[in-house]
Amino acid sequence: MKKITLLLVCFLALHTANAQVTIKPGIRAGLNLATLTNTNLDTKADFYVGGFVAIKLAKFYTLQPELTYSRQGATGSGFYNADYYYGYDPVIPAYGGSNDTDYSLQYLSLGVMNKFNIIDGFHAIVGPTLDFKVGDNFTGYAADELMGVDLGLNAGLGYTLPMGLTIEARYKIGFADIFGDNYSGYNDDYYYDDNGNYDDVILNSVVQLGLSYAF
């Protein structure tokens, strides 16, 4: 009898715990304000769009896997044509180039976000991303050197309206040099330097402003 009672208690506890877990699919989209660190390039405005699954595990915590198409890059005259200048390094600071160029990088991003409810609809969100490059408009040596994968960290704040629509702002920073060499190869005096330093690393940097909705 005691064993039956214990099993019944365990079953009821498990049922109660499972009843607190909710799973909701959703969509998200918005504006990307992107640039590349350690260059003199300007911010590029583009967009992101994707979907997610919100797995609410507790009142204060939701696990949120995401799949997002993200258009990033930068704009400006900061990249020389590496086939014409030097020929062996994809990017150096420009000496005041003439024509601005739209440098585009497109990624399919897999993210695992951790969403923490704060109070009255506000939440904080943070988590890693694994980004696969699915397109770009780089040419010559620069195109050959571009990495196909980037690792990143996403963090931000959001507010969910009573109707269920969420307004969110995030910042995303990449961890891998987009050209794969870890360093651009040029120091501040424009001389080639095999050792480089961290200030030469070229990373994706993106501010995301958008909306999401869980069904």
Foldseek 3Di string as FASTA:
>chain_A
DVVVVVVVVVVVVVVVQVVQKDKWKKKKKFWKFKEKALWPFHTDIDMKIWMWIWIDNDPFKTKIKIKMKDKHYTKADQWDPLCVPVVPFGGDGDPDDDDMDGKIWIWTKIWIKMWGDDDQQKIKIKTKIKIATDDIDDDDPQVVQFDGIWIKMKIWMWGADPVQKIWIKIKMKTDAQRRRLQFRQADPVRDGDSVHDNSRRIIMIIITTIMMGTD
